[in-house]
Amino acid sequence: MALRGAAMEAFKSSALISWRSTGKQQQTIGDCIEKTGRTLHSGSQSTVRIWPELAGTGRYFDFRSFLIPASIDFAEESPLCTTLRKDGHSVRTVEHLLSALEGTGVDNCRIEIVKSDHDDTSVEIPIFDGSARAWVEAIVQVGLTVAMDCNGKTCDRLAPYLTEPVHVSKGDSIIAAFPSNDT
């Protein structure tokens, strides 16, 4: 198994990770975002709509009503991109969009992907300039708002932390992470 794959497996549904409050409230986007662009691997057009979502829902992909959580638990090793797969459906090249959402503080959103080929079980996110910039600019344009749950209440934003040291090695390569008392 590749080092990247081994590291992913070490953290999937693991007792090594716990969650604690950051003291901040969960957020969502202020309005719908829609962007269309060419994909990197297939070269086809893909349209992505990002919708505000309730607190506690998280970030997830909606591809033809198949819901795939944006979680390491659904990550699979794939060459040259990050792929999320659930129930035979997959979303590829998610890394720039998910980085933009995390970096701007979007905790909850539905990411709808529209593709014209109705027989395909895989879809790809547009690549734009190869960075997260187009996504960040779109998020900044619509702004953020505090996400409320279905009862109109806010929820604390949670952050992962390690409960014990973890390391993964392959050949002469090693990666290690250690718990910290810093918040």
N, C-alpha and C. Protein backbone atom coordinates (compact mmCIF):
# COMPACT_ATOMS: atom_id res chain seq x y z
N MET A 1 0.85 -1.18 0.00
CA MET A 1 0.00 0.00 0.00
C MET A 1 0.88 1.23 0.00
N ALA A 2 0.54 2.21 -0.78
CA ALA A 2 1.30 3.45 -0.84
C ALA A 2 1.24 4.18 0.49
N LEU A 3 2.25 5.01 0.74
CA LEU A 3 2.28 5.76 1.99
C LEU A 3 1.03 6.59 2.17
N ARG A 4 0.57 7.26 1.10
CA ARG A 4 -0.65 8.08 1.19
C ARG A 4 -1.84 7.20 1.57
N GLY A 5 -1.99 6.06 0.94
CA GLY A 5 -3.09 5.15 1.24
C GLY A 5 -3.02 4.63 2.66
N ALA A 6 -1.82 4.31 3.13
CA ALA A 6 -1.64 3.82 4.49
C ALA A 6 -2.00 4.89 5.50
N ALA A 7 -1.61 6.13 5.22
CA ALA A 7 -1.95 7.23 6.13
C ALA A 7 -3.45 7.43 6.19
N MET A 8 -4.12 7.37 5.03
CA MET A 8 -5.59 7.51 5.02
C MET A 8 -6.23 6.41 5.84
N GLU A 9 -5.76 5.18 5.66
CA GLU A 9 -6.34 4.06 6.39
C GLU A 9 -6.14 4.21 7.90
N ALA A 10 -5.01 4.79 8.32
CA ALA A 10 -4.74 4.97 9.74
C ALA A 10 -5.75 5.89 10.40
N PHE A 11 -6.31 6.84 9.65
CA PHE A 11 -7.23 7.81 10.23
C PHE A 11 -8.70 7.49 10.00
N LYS A 12 -9.04 6.64 9.06
CA LYS A 12 -10.44 6.34 8.78
C LYS A 12 -11.10 5.72 10.00
N SER A 13 -12.23 6.29 10.39
CA SER A 13 -13.03 5.76 11.50
C SER A 13 -12.15 5.25 12.63
N SER A 14 -11.26 6.09 13.08
CA SER A 14 -10.23 5.66 14.02
C SER A 14 -10.45 6.22 15.42
N ALA A 15 -10.07 5.42 16.40
CA ALA A 15 -10.08 5.90 17.78
C ALA A 15 -8.90 6.84 18.02
N LEU A 16 -8.02 6.99 17.03
CA LEU A 16 -6.89 7.90 17.14
C LEU A 16 -7.31 9.36 17.06
N ILE A 17 -8.51 9.61 16.57
CA ILE A 17 -9.00 10.98 16.39
C ILE A 17 -10.23 11.18 17.27
N SER A 18 -10.25 12.33 17.91
CA SER A 18 -11.41 12.73 18.68
C SER A 18 -11.77 14.14 18.23
N TRP A 19 -12.89 14.65 18.68
CA TRP A 19 -13.36 15.96 18.24
C TRP A 19 -13.60 16.85 19.45
N ARG A 20 -13.25 18.14 19.31
CA ARG A 20 -13.52 19.10 20.38
C ARG A 20 -14.01 20.42 19.79
N SER A 21 -14.73 21.16 20.59
CA SER A 21 -15.27 22.45 20.16
C SER A 21 -14.16 23.46 19.95
N THR A 22 -14.33 24.30 18.92
CA THR A 22 -13.36 25.37 18.66
C THR A 22 -13.78 26.68 19.33
N GLY A 23 -14.98 26.71 19.91
CA GLY A 23 -15.51 27.94 20.49
C GLY A 23 -16.16 28.84 19.45
N LYS A 24 -16.25 28.38 18.20
CA LYS A 24 -16.89 29.13 17.13
C LYS A 24 -18.15 28.41 16.68
N GLN A 25 -19.01 29.13 15.98
CA GLN A 25 -20.25 28.55 15.48
C GLN A 25 -20.04 28.00 14.06
N GLN A 26 -20.77 26.93 13.73
CA GLN A 26 -20.71 26.38 12.37
C GLN A 26 -21.26 27.41 11.39
N GLN A 27 -20.71 27.39 10.16
CA GLN A 27 -21.12 28.32 9.12
C GLN A 27 -21.53 27.60 7.85
N THR A 28 -22.27 28.31 7.03
CA THR A 28 -22.62 27.86 5.69
C THR A 28 -22.47 29.05 4.75
N ILE A 29 -22.66 28.83 3.47
CA ILE A 29 -22.55 29.93 2.50
C ILE A 29 -23.82 30.78 2.55
N GLY A 30 -23.67 32.04 2.16
CA GLY A 30 -24.79 32.98 2.21
C GLY A 30 -25.79 32.82 1.09
N ASP A 31 -25.41 32.16 0.00
CA ASP A 31 -26.29 31.98 -1.15
C ASP A 31 -25.71 30.85 -2.00
N CYS A 32 -26.49 30.41 -2.97
CA CYS A 32 -26.04 29.34 -3.87
C CYS A 32 -24.89 29.83 -4.76
N ILE A 33 -23.94 28.94 -4.99
CA ILE A 33 -22.83 29.18 -5.92
C ILE A 33 -22.99 28.20 -7.07
N GLU A 34 -22.85 28.69 -8.31
CA GLU A 34 -22.86 27.80 -9.47
C GLU A 34 -21.67 28.12 -10.35
N LYS A 35 -20.87 27.10 -10.65
CA LYS A 35 -19.70 27.26 -11.51
C LYS A 35 -19.64 26.09 -12.48
N THR A 36 -19.32 26.41 -13.72
CA THR A 36 -19.16 25.40 -14.77
C THR A 36 -17.75 25.53 -15.32
N GLY A 37 -17.13 24.39 -15.57
CA GLY A 37 -15.79 24.41 -16.14
C GLY A 37 -15.40 23.06 -16.68
N ARG A 38 -14.23 23.03 -17.28
CA ARG A 38 -13.69 21.81 -17.87
C ARG A 38 -13.00 20.99 -16.78
N THR A 39 -13.15 19.68 -16.87
CA THR A 39 -12.52 18.78 -15.90
C THR A 39 -11.12 18.41 -16.37
N LEU A 40 -10.27 18.04 -15.43
CA LEU A 40 -8.86 17.77 -15.73
C LEU A 40 -8.66 16.45 -16.47
N HIS A 41 -9.24 15.39 -15.99
CA HIS A 41 -8.93 14.06 -16.52
C HIS A 41 -9.75 13.69 -17.76
N SER A 42 -11.03 13.95 -17.74
CA SER A 42 -11.87 13.58 -18.89
C SER A 42 -11.98 14.71 -19.91
N GLY A 43 -11.73 15.94 -19.49
CA GLY A 43 -11.84 17.08 -20.39
C GLY A 43 -13.26 17.50 -20.69
N SER A 44 -14.23 16.91 -19.99
CA SER A 44 -15.64 17.26 -20.24
C SER A 44 -16.05 18.47 -19.39
N GLN A 45 -17.22 19.03 -19.70
CA GLN A 45 -17.78 20.13 -18.92
C GLN A 45 -18.50 19.56 -17.70
N SER A 46 -18.39 20.25 -16.59
CA SER A 46 -19.06 19.84 -15.37
C SER A 46 -19.59 21.10 -14.68
N THR A 47 -20.80 21.02 -14.17
CA THR A 47 -21.39 22.13 -13.42
C THR A 47 -21.56 21.72 -11.97
N VAL A 48 -21.14 22.61 -11.08
CA VAL A 48 -21.24 22.38 -9.65
C VAL A 48 -22.09 23.49 -9.05
N ARG A 49 -23.07 23.10 -8.25
CA ARG A 49 -23.87 24.05 -7.49
C ARG A 49 -23.64 23.75 -6.01
N ILE A 50 -23.27 24.77 -5.26
CA ILE A 50 -23.05 24.62 -3.83
C ILE A 50 -24.19 25.34 -3.12
N TRP A 51 -24.92 24.60 -2.29
CA TRP A 51 -26.11 25.13 -1.61
C TRP A 51 -25.85 25.26 -0.11
N PRO A 52 -26.42 26.31 0.52
CA PRO A 52 -26.35 26.40 1.98
C PRO A 52 -27.01 25.17 2.60
N GLU A 53 -26.53 24.78 3.77
CA GLU A 53 -27.07 23.60 4.43
C GLU A 53 -27.18 23.85 5.94
N LEU A 54 -28.02 23.07 6.59
CA LEU A 54 -28.25 23.19 8.03
C LEU A 54 -27.01 22.84 8.85
N ALA A 55 -26.89 23.45 10.03
CA ALA A 55 -25.81 23.12 10.95
C ALA A 55 -25.87 21.63 11.30
N GLY A 56 -24.72 21.03 11.41
CA GLY A 56 -24.64 19.61 11.77
C GLY A 56 -24.74 18.67 10.59
N THR A 57 -25.03 19.21 9.40
CA THR A 57 -25.17 18.38 8.20
C THR A 57 -23.81 18.04 7.62
N GLY A 58 -22.86 18.95 7.70
CA GLY A 58 -21.55 18.76 7.12
C GLY A 58 -21.53 19.11 5.65
N ARG A 59 -20.45 18.74 5.00
CA ARG A 59 -20.29 18.96 3.56
C ARG A 59 -20.50 17.61 2.88
N TYR A 60 -21.30 17.61 1.82
CA TYR A 60 -21.52 16.35 1.10
C TYR A 60 -21.82 16.63 -0.36
N PHE A 61 -21.51 15.63 -1.18
CA PHE A 61 -21.76 15.71 -2.62
C PHE A 61 -23.08 15.04 -2.93
N ASP A 62 -23.82 15.63 -3.87
CA ASP A 62 -25.10 15.11 -4.34
C ASP A 62 -24.96 14.92 -5.84
N PHE A 63 -24.78 13.66 -6.25
CA PHE A 63 -24.62 13.33 -7.66
C PHE A 63 -25.75 12.39 -8.05
N ARG A 64 -26.74 12.93 -8.79
CA ARG A 64 -27.93 12.18 -9.20
C ARG A 64 -28.64 11.56 -8.00
N SER A 65 -28.77 12.33 -6.94
CA SER A 65 -29.43 11.94 -5.70
C SER A 65 -28.67 10.88 -4.91
N PHE A 66 -27.44 10.55 -5.32
CA PHE A 66 -26.57 9.71 -4.50
C PHE A 66 -25.75 10.65 -3.65
N LEU A 67 -25.81 10.49 -2.34
CA LEU A 67 -25.13 11.39 -1.42
C LEU A 67 -23.81 10.77 -0.97
N ILE A 68 -22.74 11.54 -1.13
CA ILE A 68 -21.40 11.09 -0.74
C ILE A 68 -20.82 12.11 0.22
N PRO A 69 -20.70 11.76 1.51
CA PRO A 69 -20.12 12.71 2.47
C PRO A 69 -18.68 13.06 2.10
N ALA A 70 -18.31 14.31 2.31
CA ALA A 70 -16.94 14.77 2.08
C ALA A 70 -16.12 14.37 3.30
N SER A 71 -15.81 13.09 3.37
CA SER A 71 -15.16 12.51 4.54
C SER A 71 -14.07 11.54 4.10
N ILE A 72 -13.01 11.48 4.87
CA ILE A 72 -11.93 10.54 4.60
C ILE A 72 -12.44 9.09 4.61
N ASP A 73 -13.55 8.86 5.29
CA ASP A 73 -14.12 7.51 5.33
C ASP A 73 -14.55 7.03 3.95
N PHE A 74 -14.72 7.94 2.99
CA PHE A 74 -15.15 7.57 1.64
C PHE A 74 -14.05 7.80 0.60
N ALA A 75 -12.86 8.16 1.06
CA ALA A 75 -11.74 8.39 0.14
C ALA A 75 -11.18 7.07 -0.34
N GLU A 76 -10.82 7.05 -1.62
CA GLU A 76 -10.15 5.87 -2.16
C GLU A 76 -8.90 6.34 -2.88
N GLU A 77 -7.91 5.49 -2.90
CA GLU A 77 -6.68 5.85 -3.57
C GLU A 77 -6.92 5.89 -5.07
N SER A 78 -6.50 6.98 -5.68
CA SER A 78 -6.63 7.13 -7.12
C SER A 78 -5.45 7.98 -7.61
N PRO A 79 -4.99 7.71 -8.84
CA PRO A 79 -3.83 8.45 -9.33
C PRO A 79 -4.18 9.90 -9.67
N LEU A 80 -3.34 10.81 -9.24
CA LEU A 80 -3.37 12.22 -9.62
C LEU A 80 -4.60 13.00 -9.18
N CYS A 81 -5.40 12.47 -8.28
CA CYS A 81 -6.53 13.24 -7.75
C CYS A 81 -7.07 12.56 -6.50
N THR A 82 -7.95 13.26 -5.81
CA THR A 82 -8.64 12.70 -4.66
C THR A 82 -10.03 12.29 -5.10
N THR A 83 -10.40 11.05 -4.78
CA THR A 83 -11.70 10.51 -5.18
C THR A 83 -12.47 10.08 -3.94
N LEU A 84 -13.75 10.43 -3.90
CA LEU A 84 -14.66 9.96 -2.87
C LEU A 84 -15.65 9.01 -3.53
N ARG A 85 -15.91 7.85 -2.90
CA ARG A 85 -16.78 6.84 -3.49
C ARG A 85 -17.73 6.28 -2.42
N LYS A 86 -18.99 6.10 -2.84
CA LYS A 86 -19.99 5.47 -1.98
C LYS A 86 -21.03 4.81 -2.88
N ASP A 87 -21.39 3.59 -2.53
CA ASP A 87 -22.45 2.85 -3.23
C ASP A 87 -22.27 2.84 -4.75
N GLY A 88 -21.02 2.66 -5.20
CA GLY A 88 -20.74 2.55 -6.62
C GLY A 88 -20.68 3.85 -7.38
N HIS A 89 -20.85 4.98 -6.72
CA HIS A 89 -20.78 6.30 -7.36
C HIS A 89 -19.57 7.04 -6.80
N SER A 90 -18.91 7.81 -7.67
CA SER A 90 -17.72 8.51 -7.21
C SER A 90 -17.67 9.94 -7.73
N VAL A 91 -16.96 10.77 -6.97
CA VAL A 91 -16.69 12.16 -7.32
C VAL A 91 -15.17 12.30 -7.28
N ARG A 92 -14.59 12.76 -8.39
CA ARG A 92 -13.14 12.86 -8.51
C ARG A 92 -12.68 14.32 -8.54
N THR A 93 -11.42 14.51 -8.19
CA THR A 93 -10.74 15.80 -8.20
C THR A 93 -11.45 16.80 -7.27
N VAL A 94 -11.70 16.34 -6.05
CA VAL A 94 -12.43 17.14 -5.06
C VAL A 94 -11.51 18.03 -4.22
N GLU A 95 -10.20 17.85 -4.33
CA GLU A 95 -9.27 18.47 -3.38
C GLU A 95 -9.28 19.99 -3.39
N HIS A 96 -9.40 20.63 -4.55
CA HIS A 96 -9.37 22.10 -4.57
C HIS A 96 -10.65 22.69 -3.99
N LEU A 97 -11.78 22.13 -4.34
CA LEU A 97 -13.05 22.61 -3.80
C LEU A 97 -13.11 22.40 -2.29
N LEU A 98 -12.75 21.20 -1.82
CA LEU A 98 -12.81 20.94 -0.38
C LEU A 98 -11.82 21.80 0.40
N SER A 99 -10.66 22.08 -0.19
CA SER A 99 -9.69 22.97 0.46
C SER A 99 -10.26 24.38 0.58
N ALA A 100 -10.93 24.84 -0.46
CA ALA A 100 -11.54 26.18 -0.42
C ALA A 100 -12.62 26.25 0.65
N LEU A 101 -13.45 25.23 0.74
CA LEU A 101 -14.51 25.21 1.76
C LEU A 101 -13.91 25.22 3.17
N GLU A 102 -12.92 24.39 3.39
CA GLU A 102 -12.28 24.33 4.71
C GLU A 102 -11.57 25.65 5.02
N GLY A 103 -10.82 26.15 4.07
CA GLY A 103 -10.04 27.37 4.28
C GLY A 103 -10.89 28.61 4.53
N THR A 104 -12.07 28.67 3.94
CA THR A 104 -12.94 29.83 4.14
C THR A 104 -13.90 29.63 5.31
N GLY A 105 -13.94 28.43 5.89
CA GLY A 105 -14.76 28.20 7.08
C GLY A 105 -16.16 27.69 6.80
N VAL A 106 -16.41 27.10 5.63
CA VAL A 106 -17.73 26.55 5.32
C VAL A 106 -17.81 25.15 5.92
N ASP A 107 -18.63 24.99 6.94
CA ASP A 107 -18.79 23.70 7.61
C ASP A 107 -19.88 22.84 6.99
N ASN A 108 -20.90 23.48 6.46
CA ASN A 108 -22.09 22.77 6.00
C ASN A 108 -22.50 23.25 4.62
N CYS A 109 -22.62 22.32 3.67
CA CYS A 109 -23.11 22.66 2.34
C CYS A 109 -23.40 21.39 1.55
N ARG A 110 -24.32 21.52 0.62
CA ARG A 110 -24.62 20.44 -0.33
C ARG A 110 -23.97 20.81 -1.64
N ILE A 111 -23.16 19.91 -2.18
CA ILE A 111 -22.42 20.16 -3.42
C ILE A 111 -23.05 19.29 -4.50
N GLU A 112 -23.88 19.92 -5.31
CA GLU A 112 -24.61 19.21 -6.36
C GLU A 112 -23.77 19.24 -7.64
N ILE A 113 -23.60 18.07 -8.26
CA ILE A 113 -22.85 17.99 -9.50
C ILE A 113 -23.79 17.57 -10.61
N VAL A 114 -23.79 18.36 -11.69
CA VAL A 114 -24.67 18.11 -12.83
C VAL A 114 -23.80 17.63 -13.98
N LYS A 115 -24.17 16.50 -14.55
CA LYS A 115 -23.44 15.95 -15.69
C LYS A 115 -24.45 15.44 -16.69
N SER A 116 -24.20 15.66 -17.98
CA SER A 116 -25.18 15.32 -19.01
C SER A 116 -25.25 13.83 -19.30
N ASP A 117 -24.17 13.08 -19.11
CA ASP A 117 -24.17 11.64 -19.39
C ASP A 117 -24.85 10.91 -18.23
N HIS A 118 -26.09 10.50 -18.45
CA HIS A 118 -26.88 9.90 -17.36
C HIS A 118 -26.51 8.48 -17.02
N ASP A 119 -25.63 7.84 -17.82
CA ASP A 119 -25.24 6.47 -17.54
C ASP A 119 -23.97 6.38 -16.71
N ASP A 120 -23.27 7.48 -16.56
CA ASP A 120 -21.99 7.48 -15.86
C ASP A 120 -22.21 7.46 -14.35
N THR A 121 -21.40 6.67 -13.64
CA THR A 121 -21.48 6.60 -12.18
C THR A 121 -20.36 7.40 -11.52
N SER A 122 -19.58 8.10 -12.33
CA SER A 122 -18.48 8.90 -11.82
C SER A 122 -18.57 10.31 -12.41
N VAL A 123 -18.23 11.28 -11.61
CA VAL A 123 -18.24 12.67 -12.05
C VAL A 123 -16.98 13.34 -11.54
N GLU A 124 -16.58 14.40 -12.21
CA GLU A 124 -15.36 15.10 -11.84
C GLU A 124 -15.67 16.59 -11.64
N ILE A 125 -14.98 17.18 -10.67
CA ILE A 125 -15.12 18.60 -10.37
C ILE A 125 -14.26 19.40 -11.36
N PRO A 126 -14.74 20.55 -11.86
CA PRO A 126 -13.92 21.37 -12.77
C PRO A 126 -12.60 21.77 -12.12
N ILE A 127 -11.56 21.89 -12.93
CA ILE A 127 -10.22 22.18 -12.42
C ILE A 127 -9.89 23.67 -12.43
N PHE A 128 -10.53 24.46 -13.29
CA PHE A 128 -10.26 25.89 -13.45
C PHE A 128 -8.76 26.13 -13.65
N ASP A 129 -8.10 26.92 -12.79
CA ASP A 129 -6.67 27.21 -13.01
C ASP A 129 -5.74 26.23 -12.29
N GLY A 130 -6.30 25.17 -11.73
CA GLY A 130 -5.49 24.17 -11.02
C GLY A 130 -5.27 24.49 -9.56
N SER A 131 -5.94 25.51 -9.05
CA SER A 131 -5.84 25.88 -7.64
C SER A 131 -7.26 26.00 -7.06
N ALA A 132 -7.34 26.40 -5.80
CA ALA A 132 -8.63 26.61 -5.15
C ALA A 132 -9.16 28.03 -5.34
N ARG A 133 -8.41 28.87 -6.06
CA ARG A 133 -8.74 30.30 -6.16
C ARG A 133 -10.16 30.58 -6.66
N ALA A 134 -10.60 29.93 -7.73
CA ALA A 134 -11.94 30.19 -8.27
C ALA A 134 -13.02 29.88 -7.25
N TRP A 135 -12.81 28.81 -6.48
CA TRP A 135 -13.78 28.43 -5.45
C TRP A 135 -13.76 29.43 -4.30
N VAL A 136 -12.57 29.83 -3.86
CA VAL A 136 -12.47 30.81 -2.77
C VAL A 136 -13.14 32.11 -3.18
N GLU A 137 -12.87 32.59 -4.39
CA GLU A 137 -13.48 33.84 -4.86
C GLU A 137 -15.00 33.75 -4.88
N ALA A 138 -15.54 32.61 -5.31
CA ALA A 138 -17.00 32.43 -5.35
C ALA A 138 -17.59 32.42 -3.94
N ILE A 139 -16.90 31.79 -3.00
CA ILE A 139 -17.37 31.74 -1.61
C ILE A 139 -17.34 33.14 -1.00
N VAL A 140 -16.25 33.86 -1.22
CA VAL A 140 -16.13 35.23 -0.70
C VAL A 140 -17.24 36.10 -1.28
N GLN A 141 -17.56 35.92 -2.55
CA GLN A 141 -18.60 36.74 -3.20
C GLN A 141 -19.97 36.55 -2.55
N VAL A 142 -20.35 35.32 -2.19
CA VAL A 142 -21.67 35.11 -1.58
C VAL A 142 -21.62 35.28 -0.06
N GLY A 143 -20.43 35.21 0.52
CA GLY A 143 -20.28 35.39 1.97
C GLY A 143 -20.69 34.16 2.76
N LEU A 144 -20.47 34.25 4.06
CA LEU A 144 -20.81 33.18 4.99
C LEU A 144 -21.89 33.66 5.95
N THR A 145 -22.60 32.71 6.49
CA THR A 145 -23.60 33.00 7.51
C THR A 145 -23.55 31.88 8.55
N VAL A 146 -23.94 32.21 9.78
CA VAL A 146 -23.98 31.18 10.81
C VAL A 146 -25.05 30.17 10.43
N ALA A 147 -24.68 28.90 10.45
CA ALA A 147 -25.62 27.83 10.11
C ALA A 147 -26.49 27.50 11.32
N MET A 148 -27.77 27.33 11.07
CA MET A 148 -28.72 26.95 12.12
C MET A 148 -29.18 25.52 11.86
N ASP A 149 -29.51 24.79 12.93
CA ASP A 149 -30.04 23.45 12.73
C ASP A 149 -31.54 23.53 12.43
N CYS A 150 -32.21 22.39 12.31
CA CYS A 150 -33.63 22.39 11.94
C CYS A 150 -34.52 23.02 13.01
N ASN A 151 -33.99 23.22 14.22
CA ASN A 151 -34.74 23.87 15.30
C ASN A 151 -34.35 25.34 15.46
N GLY A 152 -33.55 25.87 14.53
CA GLY A 152 -33.15 27.27 14.59
C GLY A 152 -32.05 27.57 15.58
N LYS A 153 -31.31 26.54 15.99
CA LYS A 153 -30.23 26.73 16.96
C LYS A 153 -28.87 26.61 16.27
N THR A 154 -27.90 27.30 16.83
CA THR A 154 -26.54 27.21 16.30
C THR A 154 -25.85 25.98 16.89
N CYS A 155 -24.77 25.57 16.26
CA CYS A 155 -23.98 24.43 16.73
C CYS A 155 -22.51 24.83 16.75
N ASP A 156 -21.79 24.32 17.72
CA ASP A 156 -20.35 24.59 17.80
C ASP A 156 -19.62 23.94 16.63
N ARG A 157 -18.59 24.63 16.16
CA ARG A 157 -17.70 24.05 15.15
C ARG A 157 -16.73 23.13 15.87
N LEU A 158 -16.57 21.94 15.35
CA LEU A 158 -15.68 20.95 15.95
C LEU A 158 -14.40 20.83 15.13
N ALA A 159 -13.32 20.49 15.81
CA ALA A 159 -12.03 20.26 15.14
C ALA A 159 -11.46 18.93 15.62
N PRO A 160 -10.82 18.19 14.72
CA PRO A 160 -10.23 16.91 15.12
C PRO A 160 -8.93 17.12 15.89
N TYR A 161 -8.65 16.20 16.79
CA TYR A 161 -7.35 16.18 17.44
C TYR A 161 -6.97 14.73 17.70
N LEU A 162 -5.67 14.49 17.73
CA LEU A 162 -5.17 13.13 17.95
C LEU A 162 -5.27 12.77 19.42
N THR A 163 -5.63 11.52 19.68
CA THR A 163 -5.70 11.05 21.06
C THR A 163 -4.43 10.31 21.46
N GLU A 164 -3.65 9.86 20.47
CA GLU A 164 -2.37 9.20 20.73
C GLU A 164 -1.50 9.34 19.48
N PRO A 165 -0.19 9.16 19.63
CA PRO A 165 0.70 9.30 18.47
C PRO A 165 0.36 8.27 17.39
N VAL A 166 0.63 8.65 16.14
CA VAL A 166 0.41 7.73 15.02
C VAL A 166 1.56 7.92 14.03
N HIS A 167 1.97 6.81 13.42
CA HIS A 167 3.00 6.90 12.39
C HIS A 167 2.72 5.86 11.31
N VAL A 168 3.17 6.18 10.11
CA VAL A 168 3.04 5.29 8.98
C VAL A 168 4.39 5.31 8.27
N SER A 169 4.87 4.14 7.86
CA SER A 169 6.14 4.10 7.16
C SER A 169 6.07 3.17 5.97
N LYS A 170 6.94 3.47 5.00
CA LYS A 170 7.10 2.62 3.84
C LYS A 170 8.53 2.80 3.36
N GLY A 171 9.28 1.73 3.34
CA GLY A 171 10.69 1.84 2.96
C GLY A 171 11.41 2.80 3.88
N ASP A 172 12.10 3.77 3.29
CA ASP A 172 12.83 4.77 4.08
C ASP A 172 11.98 5.97 4.44
N SER A 173 10.72 5.98 4.06
CA SER A 173 9.85 7.12 4.34
C SER A 173 9.01 6.87 5.58
N ILE A 174 8.83 7.91 6.37
CA ILE A 174 7.99 7.82 7.56
C ILE A 174 7.29 9.16 7.77
N ILE A 175 6.07 9.07 8.25
CA ILE A 175 5.34 10.28 8.64
C ILE A 175 4.77 10.00 10.03
N ALA A 176 4.86 10.98 10.90
CA ALA A 176 4.38 10.81 12.27
C ALA A 176 3.60 12.05 12.69
N ALA A 177 2.62 11.85 13.53
CA ALA A 177 1.84 12.95 14.10
C ALA A 177 1.66 12.67 15.59
N PHE A 178 1.67 13.73 16.39
CA PHE A 178 1.60 13.60 17.84
C PHE A 178 0.50 14.50 18.40
N PRO A 179 -0.17 14.05 19.45
CA PRO A 179 -1.17 14.91 20.08
C PRO A 179 -0.50 16.16 20.65
N SER A 180 -1.27 17.23 20.72
CA SER A 180 -0.75 18.49 21.26
C SER A 180 -1.77 19.05 22.24
N ASN A 181 -1.30 19.71 23.25
CA ASN A 181 -2.19 20.38 24.21
C ASN A 181 -2.62 21.74 23.70
N ASP A 182 -1.95 22.26 22.65
CA ASP A 182 -2.32 23.55 22.09
C ASP A 182 -3.65 23.44 21.39
N THR A 183 -4.46 24.51 21.45
CA THR A 183 -5.76 24.50 20.75
C THR A 183 -5.73 25.41 19.58
